[in-house]
Amino acid sequence: MQSPLHLFWLPWLRFGLLAGGLGLTLVSCQRPADAQPPLIGITQPSSGVISKRSLRVEGYVLDDTGVQSVKAMGQELLSTSNRGQKLVRFSFKLQAPTSGTVELKVEATDSQGQSRTVRLPLVLDARPPQIKIDRAEWVTKVISPAQTRTNPDGTTVSIPAKTEGSLQISGKALDDTGIDRVVVQYGNTFSPLSLPKGKEVSFFIEVPTRRATIIAVDLAGNRADLTVP
């Protein structure tokens, strides 16, 4: 689950003029008043789904007039020595509930008194996904049928049919917050399946081995695996 409040990018550049040919800086222009509140970026966590109750939140605040305050969940994060800087970084530890959702709230104020608030809902998911197998069987295919060949001396030779086998597996991966990816492993080969993300993802696998492991990973990074047969 991605939040639309994860990152804000708004134009905030101020331009100065330089008289290059004369080597003189023009200082008579008045800088326009700041019209934008601070920009807040949350870089960690990158997803709205988390697997651990305790996590570290990281981000930054930008403002061309200087950042005066950064609050997380109502608590001030900005030290006195960092006030007034145009770029400040912050980090704090968040304790999520045992299950359900918690709203991450970060508020920043600049030197002009303008404020912006970012709210990012987080979902705690500590349970691994489920893998259900509907069918798993070894299937033999005939590559070339059996033949009888006649030699020049009139004798006949029987050529047996050529076959090849594969393990065919069909099933689904389920998770209440969403499946991120499904991978099949056989031997030293790891093959990601091209599947959509969703709470219930169906899959069909055919591998040239009699034993394979299905790996499912949900949006929080929880992993489940199942070996067939």
C-alpha atoms as a PDB file:
ATOM      1  CA  MET A   1       0.000   0.000   0.000  1.00  0.00           C
ATOM      2  CA  GLN A   2       1.628   3.183  -1.138  1.00  0.00           C
ATOM      3  CA  SER A   3       0.545   6.465   0.328  1.00  0.00           C
ATOM      4  CA  PRO A   4       0.149   9.518  -1.942  1.00  0.00           C
ATOM      5  CA  LEU A   5       1.699  11.517   0.887  1.00  0.00           C
ATOM      6  CA  HIS A   6       4.967   9.605   0.701  1.00  0.00           C
ATOM      7  CA  LEU A   7       6.849  12.421  -1.084  1.00  0.00           C
ATOM      8  CA  PHE A   8       6.175  15.994  -2.072  1.00  0.00           C
ATOM      9  CA  TRP A   9       8.045  17.815  -4.862  1.00  0.00           C
ATOM     10  CA  LEU A  10       7.051  21.404  -5.444  1.00  0.00           C
ATOM     11  CA  PRO A  11       9.032  24.157  -7.197  1.00  0.00           C
ATOM     12  CA  TRP A  12      10.830  26.361  -4.655  1.00  0.00           C
ATOM     13  CA  LEU A  13      13.915  27.794  -6.390  1.00  0.00           C
ATOM     14  CA  ARG A  14      14.793  31.476  -6.069  1.00  0.00           C
ATOM     15  CA  PHE A  15      16.956  33.076  -8.712  1.00  0.00           C
ATOM     16  CA  GLY A  16      19.751  35.671  -8.335  1.00  0.00           C
ATOM     17  CA  LEU A  17      21.165  37.724 -11.207  1.00  0.00           C
ATOM     18  CA  LEU A  18      24.854  38.018 -12.016  1.00  0.00           C
ATOM     19  CA  ALA A  19      26.307  40.635 -14.368  1.00  0.00           C
ATOM     20  CA  GLY A  20      28.867  38.302 -15.931  1.00  0.00           C
ATOM     21  CA  GLY A  21      30.467  40.754 -18.344  1.00  0.00           C
ATOM     22  CA  LEU A  22      31.060  43.394 -15.659  1.00  0.00           C
ATOM     23  CA  GLY A  23      31.759  40.977 -12.824  1.00  0.00           C
ATOM     24  CA  LEU A  24      29.155  42.765 -10.690  1.00  0.00           C
ATOM     25  CA  THR A  25      26.388  41.104  -8.692  1.00  0.00           C
ATOM     26  CA  LEU A  26      23.054  42.888  -8.870  1.00  0.00           C
ATOM     27  CA  VAL A  27      21.767  43.279  -5.302  1.00  0.00           C
ATOM     28  CA  SER A  28      19.019  45.805  -5.815  1.00  0.00           C
ATOM     29  CA  CYS A  29      16.332  43.180  -6.658  1.00  0.00           C
ATOM     30  CA  GLN A  30      13.948  42.365  -3.853  1.00  0.00           C
ATOM     31  CA  ARG A  31      13.469  38.617  -3.213  1.00  0.00           C
ATOM     32  CA  PRO A  32       9.774  37.666  -3.419  1.00  0.00           C
ATOM     33  CA  ALA A  33       8.076  36.543  -0.256  1.00  0.00           C
ATOM     34  CA  ASP A  34       8.063  32.790   0.398  1.00  0.00           C
ATOM     35  CA  ALA A  35       4.785  31.393  -0.905  1.00  0.00           C
ATOM     36  CA  GLN A  36       5.277  27.701  -0.208  1.00  0.00           C
ATOM     37  CA  PRO A  37       5.270  25.743   3.053  1.00  0.00           C
ATOM     38  CA  PRO A  38       8.178  23.372   3.751  1.00  0.00           C
ATOM     39  CA  LEU A  39       8.641  20.244   1.668  1.00  0.00           C
ATOM     40  CA  ILE A  40       8.622  16.964   3.608  1.00  0.00           C
ATOM     41  CA  GLY A  41      10.069  13.718   2.278  1.00  0.00           C
ATOM     42  CA  ILE A  42       9.795  10.372   4.063  1.00  0.00           C
ATOM     43  CA  THR A  43      12.466   7.970   2.822  1.00  0.00           C
ATOM     44  CA  GLN A  44      11.981   5.171   5.340  1.00  0.00           C
ATOM     45  CA  PRO A  45       9.747   3.183   5.521  1.00  0.00           C
ATOM     46  CA  SER A  46       9.257   3.010   1.773  1.00  0.00           C
ATOM     47  CA  SER A  47       5.964   1.126   2.020  1.00  0.00           C
ATOM     48  CA  GLY A  48       2.750   1.563   3.935  1.00  0.00           C
ATOM     49  CA  VAL A  49       2.973  -2.078   5.090  1.00  0.00           C
ATOM     50  CA  ILE A  50       5.420  -3.045   7.840  1.00  0.00           C
ATOM     51  CA  SER A  51       6.301  -6.365   9.430  1.00  0.00           C
ATOM     52  CA  LYS A  52       7.848  -5.181  12.708  1.00  0.00           C
ATOM     53  CA  ARG A  53       6.202  -3.309  15.563  1.00  0.00           C
ATOM     54  CA  SER A  54       9.285  -1.163  16.178  1.00  0.00           C
ATOM     55  CA  LEU A  55      10.784   0.663  13.201  1.00  0.00           C
ATOM     56  CA  ARG A  56      12.914   3.711  12.469  1.00  0.00           C
ATOM     57  CA  VAL A  57      11.394   6.483  10.393  1.00  0.00           C
ATOM     58  CA  GLU A  58      13.758   8.678   8.347  1.00  0.00           C
ATOM     59  CA  GLY A  59      13.205  11.703   6.158  1.00  0.00           C
ATOM     60  CA  TYR A  60      14.074  15.316   5.406  1.00  0.00           C
ATOM     61  CA  VAL A  61      12.541  18.809   5.257  1.00  0.00           C
ATOM     62  CA  LEU A  62      13.356  21.506   2.666  1.00  0.00           C
ATOM     63  CA  ASP A  63      12.510  25.205   2.811  1.00  0.00           C
ATOM     64  CA  ASP A  64      14.256  28.163   1.155  1.00  0.00           C
ATOM     65  CA  THR A  65      13.617  30.488   4.113  1.00  0.00           C
ATOM     66  CA  GLY A  66      14.802  28.024   6.744  1.00  0.00           C
ATOM     67  CA  VAL A  67      13.187  25.237   8.763  1.00  0.00           C
ATOM     68  CA  GLN A  68      12.157  26.225  12.285  1.00  0.00           C
ATOM     69  CA  SER A  69      10.355  23.145  13.562  1.00  0.00           C
ATOM     70  CA  VAL A  70       9.930  19.459  12.727  1.00  0.00           C
ATOM     71  CA  LYS A  71       7.490  17.460  14.833  1.00  0.00           C
ATOM     72  CA  ALA A  72       6.709  13.748  14.673  1.00  0.00           C
ATOM     73  CA  MET A  73       3.612  12.451  16.426  1.00  0.00           C
ATOM     74  CA  GLY A  74       3.543  15.823  18.236  1.00  0.00           C
ATOM     75  CA  GLN A  75       7.141  15.633  19.535  1.00  0.00           C
ATOM     76  CA  GLU A  76       9.782  18.160  18.445  1.00  0.00           C
ATOM     77  CA  LEU A  77      12.710  16.595  16.555  1.00  0.00           C
ATOM     78  CA  LEU A  78      14.697  19.659  15.499  1.00  0.00           C
ATOM     79  CA  SER A  79      17.503  20.798  17.802  1.00  0.00           C
ATOM     80  CA  THR A  80      18.121  24.495  18.465  1.00  0.00           C
ATOM     81  CA  SER A  81      21.409  24.419  16.544  1.00  0.00           C
ATOM     82  CA  ASN A  82      19.708  23.142  13.372  1.00  0.00           C
ATOM     83  CA  ARG A  83      16.893  25.697  13.289  1.00  0.00           C
ATOM     84  CA  GLY A  84      17.015  28.045  10.327  1.00  0.00           C
ATOM     85  CA  GLN A  85      18.758  25.594   8.000  1.00  0.00           C
ATOM     86  CA  LYS A  86      17.270  25.132   4.548  1.00  0.00           C
ATOM     87  CA  LEU A  87      17.710  21.341   4.591  1.00  0.00           C
ATOM     88  CA  VAL A  88      17.349  19.246   7.725  1.00  0.00           C
ATOM     89  CA  ARG A  89      17.166  15.486   8.129  1.00  0.00           C
ATOM     90  CA  PHE A  90      15.238  13.712  10.838  1.00  0.00           C
ATOM     91  CA  SER A  91      14.819  10.225  12.241  1.00  0.00           C
ATOM     92  CA  PHE A  92      12.839   8.746  15.090  1.00  0.00           C
ATOM     93  CA  LYS A  93      11.613   5.391  16.355  1.00  0.00           C
ATOM     94  CA  LEU A  94       7.964   4.449  15.968  1.00  0.00           C
ATOM     95  CA  GLN A  95       6.225   1.800  18.075  1.00  0.00           C
ATOM     96  CA  ALA A  96       3.368   0.297  16.085  1.00  0.00           C
ATOM     97  CA  PRO A  97       0.413  -1.556  17.614  1.00  0.00           C
ATOM     98  CA  THR A  98       0.302  -5.333  17.805  1.00  0.00           C
ATOM     99  CA  SER A  99      -1.899  -5.415  14.707  1.00  0.00           C
ATOM    100  CA  GLY A 100      -3.973  -3.090  12.587  1.00  0.00           C
ATOM    101  CA  THR A 101      -2.989   0.410  11.465  1.00  0.00           C
ATOM    102  CA  VAL A 102      -1.090   3.362  12.861  1.00  0.00           C
ATOM    103  CA  GLU A 103      -0.869   6.827  11.283  1.00  0.00           C
ATOM    104  CA  LEU A 104       2.567   8.362  10.938  1.00  0.00           C
ATOM    105  CA  LYS A 105       2.337  12.165  11.255  1.00  0.00           C
ATOM    106  CA  VAL A 106       5.163  14.631  10.517  1.00  0.00           C
ATOM    107  CA  GLU A 107       4.683  18.416  10.682  1.00  0.00           C
ATOM    108  CA  ALA A 108       7.214  21.061   9.579  1.00  0.00           C
ATOM    109  CA  THR A 109       7.163  24.868   9.995  1.00  0.00           C
ATOM    110  CA  ASP A 110       9.388  27.439   8.287  1.00  0.00           C
ATOM    111  CA  SER A 111      10.657  30.832   9.434  1.00  0.00           C
ATOM    112  CA  GLN A 112       7.584  32.525   7.917  1.00  0.00           C
ATOM    113  CA  GLY A 113       5.267  30.444  10.083  1.00  0.00           C
ATOM    114  CA  GLN A 114       3.979  28.350   7.200  1.00  0.00           C
ATOM    115  CA  SER A 115       3.390  24.675   7.998  1.00  0.00           C
ATOM    116  CA  ARG A 116       2.861  21.431   6.173  1.00  0.00           C
ATOM    117  CA  THR A 117       1.728  18.095   7.612  1.00  0.00           C
ATOM    118  CA  VAL A 118       2.327  14.657   6.098  1.00  0.00           C
ATOM    119  CA  ARG A 119       0.185  11.723   7.217  1.00  0.00           C
ATOM    120  CA  LEU A 120       1.213   8.207   6.232  1.00  0.00           C
ATOM    121  CA  PRO A 121      -1.009   5.311   7.338  1.00  0.00           C
ATOM    122  CA  LEU A 122       0.992   2.171   8.131  1.00  0.00           C
ATOM    123  CA  VAL A 123      -0.379  -1.360   8.311  1.00  0.00           C
ATOM    124  CA  LEU A 124       1.296  -3.896  10.577  1.00  0.00           C
ATOM    125  CA  ASP A 125       1.547  -7.318   8.941  1.00  0.00           C
ATOM    126  CA  ALA A 126       3.595  -9.844  10.906  1.00  0.00           C
ATOM    127  CA  ARG A 127       1.984 -12.953   9.404  1.00  0.00           C
ATOM    128  CA  PRO A 128       3.589 -14.760   6.444  1.00  0.00           C
ATOM    129  CA  PRO A 129       1.539 -15.464   3.324  1.00  0.00           C
ATOM    130  CA  GLN A 130      -0.187 -18.782   2.624  1.00  0.00           C
ATOM    131  CA  ILE A 131       0.580 -21.115  -0.268  1.00  0.00           C
ATOM    132  CA  LYS A 132      -2.120 -23.528  -1.402  1.00  0.00           C
ATOM    133  CA  ILE A 133      -1.459 -26.251  -3.984  1.00  0.00           C
ATOM    134  CA  ASP A 134      -4.417 -27.325  -6.118  1.00  0.00           C
ATOM    135  CA  ARG A 135      -2.575 -29.847  -8.282  1.00  0.00           C
ATOM    136  CA  ALA A 136       0.979 -31.219  -8.502  1.00  0.00           C
ATOM    137  CA  GLU A 137       1.850 -34.100 -10.822  1.00  0.00           C
ATOM    138  CA  TRP A 138       4.632 -35.489 -12.947  1.00  0.00           C
ATOM    139  CA  VAL A 139       3.665 -35.311 -16.618  1.00  0.00           C
ATOM    140  CA  THR A 140       5.430 -37.266 -19.360  1.00  0.00           C
ATOM    141  CA  LYS A 141       5.376 -35.998 -22.942  1.00  0.00           C
ATOM    142  CA  VAL A 142       6.322 -37.961 -26.064  1.00  0.00           C
ATOM    143  CA  ILE A 143       8.921 -36.127 -28.120  1.00  0.00           C
ATOM    144  CA  SER A 144       9.116 -38.731 -30.889  1.00  0.00           C
ATOM    145  CA  PRO A 145       7.032 -41.893 -31.200  1.00  0.00           C
ATOM    146  CA  ALA A 146       8.441 -45.425 -31.307  1.00  0.00           C
ATOM    147  CA  GLN A 147       9.680 -46.515 -34.737  1.00  0.00           C
ATOM    148  CA  THR A 148      10.733 -49.681 -36.542  1.00  0.00           C
ATOM    149  CA  ARG A 149      13.683 -49.427 -38.932  1.00  0.00           C
ATOM    150  CA  THR A 150      14.547 -51.996 -41.594  1.00  0.00           C
ATOM    151  CA  ASN A 151      18.244 -52.614 -42.174  1.00  0.00           C
ATOM    152  CA  PRO A 152      19.717 -53.321 -45.639  1.00  0.00           C
ATOM    153  CA  ASP A 153      20.023 -57.011 -44.738  1.00  0.00           C
ATOM    154  CA  GLY A 154      16.283 -57.216 -44.119  1.00  0.00           C
ATOM    155  CA  THR A 155      16.423 -57.287 -40.338  1.00  0.00           C
ATOM    156  CA  THR A 156      14.378 -54.816 -38.313  1.00  0.00           C
ATOM    157  CA  VAL A 157      15.348 -52.646 -35.387  1.00  0.00           C
ATOM    158  CA  SER A 158      12.873 -51.187 -32.920  1.00  0.00           C
ATOM    159  CA  ILE A 159      13.561 -47.614 -31.813  1.00  0.00           C
ATOM    160  CA  PRO A 160      11.773 -46.748 -28.556  1.00  0.00           C
ATOM    161  CA  ALA A 161       9.846 -43.548 -28.145  1.00  0.00           C
ATOM    162  CA  LYS A 162      11.633 -40.532 -26.726  1.00  0.00           C
ATOM    163  CA  THR A 163       9.926 -38.850 -23.816  1.00  0.00           C
ATOM    164  CA  GLU A 164      10.574 -36.035 -21.393  1.00  0.00           C
ATOM    165  CA  GLY A 165       8.920 -35.288 -18.069  1.00  0.00           C
ATOM    166  CA  SER A 166       8.093 -32.188 -16.084  1.00  0.00           C
ATOM    167  CA  LEU A 167       6.544 -31.343 -12.742  1.00  0.00           C
ATOM    168  CA  GLN A 168       3.387 -29.291 -13.193  1.00  0.00           C
ATOM    169  CA  ILE A 169       2.112 -27.338 -10.195  1.00  0.00           C
ATOM    170  CA  SER A 170      -0.939 -25.118  -9.955  1.00  0.00           C
ATOM    171  CA  GLY A 171      -2.110 -23.232  -6.886  1.00  0.00           C
ATOM    172  CA  LYS A 172      -2.413 -19.824  -5.285  1.00  0.00           C
ATOM    173  CA  ALA A 173      -0.632 -17.535  -2.835  1.00  0.00           C
ATOM    174  CA  LEU A 174      -2.773 -15.571  -0.361  1.00  0.00           C
ATOM    175  CA  ASP A 175      -2.098 -12.710   2.041  1.00  0.00           C
ATOM    176  CA  ASP A 176      -4.430 -10.226   3.740  1.00  0.00           C
ATOM    177  CA  THR A 177      -2.232  -7.237   2.823  1.00  0.00           C
ATOM    178  CA  GLY A 178      -1.102  -8.454  -0.597  1.00  0.00           C
ATOM    179  CA  ILE A 179       1.359 -10.778  -2.353  1.00  0.00           C
ATOM    180  CA  ASP A 180       4.418  -8.976  -3.702  1.00  0.00           C
ATOM    181  CA  ARG A 181       6.081 -11.835  -5.623  1.00  0.00           C
ATOM    182  CA  VAL A 182       6.179 -15.605  -6.111  1.00  0.00           C
ATOM    183  CA  VAL A 183       9.379 -17.495  -6.942  1.00  0.00           C
ATOM    184  CA  VAL A 184       9.981 -21.154  -7.814  1.00  0.00           C
ATOM    185  CA  GLN A 185      13.253 -22.821  -6.792  1.00  0.00           C
ATOM    186  CA  TYR A 186      14.566 -26.105  -8.162  1.00  0.00           C
ATOM    187  CA  GLY A 187      18.174 -27.062  -7.593  1.00  0.00           C
ATOM    188  CA  ASN A 188      20.250 -23.879  -7.713  1.00  0.00           C
ATOM    189  CA  THR A 189      17.755 -22.118  -9.987  1.00  0.00           C
ATOM    190  CA  PHE A 190      15.498 -19.333  -8.671  1.00  0.00           C
ATOM    191  CA  SER A 191      12.873 -18.288 -11.192  1.00  0.00           C
ATOM    192  CA  PRO A 192      10.510 -15.347 -10.408  1.00  0.00           C
ATOM    193  CA  LEU A 193       7.023 -15.759 -11.816  1.00  0.00           C
ATOM    194  CA  SER A 194       5.447 -12.988 -13.872  1.00  0.00           C
ATOM    195  CA  LEU A 195       2.336 -12.433 -11.785  1.00  0.00           C
ATOM    196  CA  PRO A 196       0.221  -9.432 -10.735  1.00  0.00           C
ATOM    197  CA  LYS A 197       0.277  -8.252  -7.139  1.00  0.00           C
ATOM    198  CA  GLY A 198      -2.819  -8.933  -5.075  1.00  0.00           C
ATOM    199  CA  LYS A 199      -4.321 -10.562  -2.025  1.00  0.00           C
ATOM    200  CA  GLU A 200      -4.905 -13.807  -3.938  1.00  0.00           C
ATOM    201  CA  VAL A 201      -2.534 -14.690  -6.771  1.00  0.00           C
ATOM    202  CA  SER A 202      -2.971 -17.856  -8.838  1.00  0.00           C
ATOM    203  CA  PHE A 203       0.041 -19.516 -10.449  1.00  0.00           C
ATOM    204  CA  PHE A 204       0.941 -22.393 -12.782  1.00  0.00           C
ATOM    205  CA  ILE A 205       4.487 -23.773 -12.774  1.00  0.00           C
ATOM    206  CA  GLU A 206       6.186 -26.340 -14.990  1.00  0.00           C
ATOM    207  CA  VAL A 207       9.757 -27.327 -14.113  1.00  0.00           C
ATOM    208  CA  PRO A 208      12.045 -30.114 -15.458  1.00  0.00           C
ATOM    209  CA  THR A 209      12.521 -31.712 -12.041  1.00  0.00           C
ATOM    210  CA  ARG A 210      10.537 -33.892  -9.688  1.00  0.00           C
ATOM    211  CA  ARG A 211      10.945 -31.568  -6.721  1.00  0.00           C
ATOM    212  CA  ALA A 212      10.477 -27.785  -6.452  1.00  0.00           C
ATOM    213  CA  THR A 213       9.963 -25.151  -3.765  1.00  0.00           C
ATOM    214  CA  ILE A 214       7.391 -22.363  -4.075  1.00  0.00           C
ATOM    215  CA  ILE A 215       8.349 -19.118  -2.303  1.00  0.00           C
ATOM    216  CA  ALA A 216       5.819 -16.332  -1.678  1.00  0.00           C
ATOM    217  CA  VAL A 217       6.691 -12.887  -0.268  1.00  0.00           C
ATOM    218  CA  ASP A 218       4.072 -10.365   0.869  1.00  0.00           C
ATOM    219  CA  LEU A 219       4.209  -6.560   0.769  1.00  0.00           C
ATOM    220  CA  ALA A 220       5.687  -6.402   4.280  1.00  0.00           C
ATOM    221  CA  GLY A 221       8.549  -8.735   3.345  1.00  0.00           C
ATOM    222  CA  ASN A 222       7.182 -11.778   5.187  1.00  0.00           C
ATOM    223  CA  ARG A 223       8.118 -15.000   3.412  1.00  0.00           C
ATOM    224  CA  ALA A 224       6.581 -18.468   3.172  1.00  0.00           C
ATOM    225  CA  ASP A 225       7.833 -21.504   1.262  1.00  0.00           C
ATOM    226  CA  LEU A 226       6.400 -24.889   0.367  1.00  0.00           C
ATOM    227  CA  THR A 227       8.238 -27.828  -1.201  1.00  0.00           C
ATOM    228  CA  VAL A 228       6.406 -30.036  -3.715  1.00  0.00           C
ATOM    229  CA  PRO A 229       5.948 -32.941  -3.497  1.00  0.00           C
END
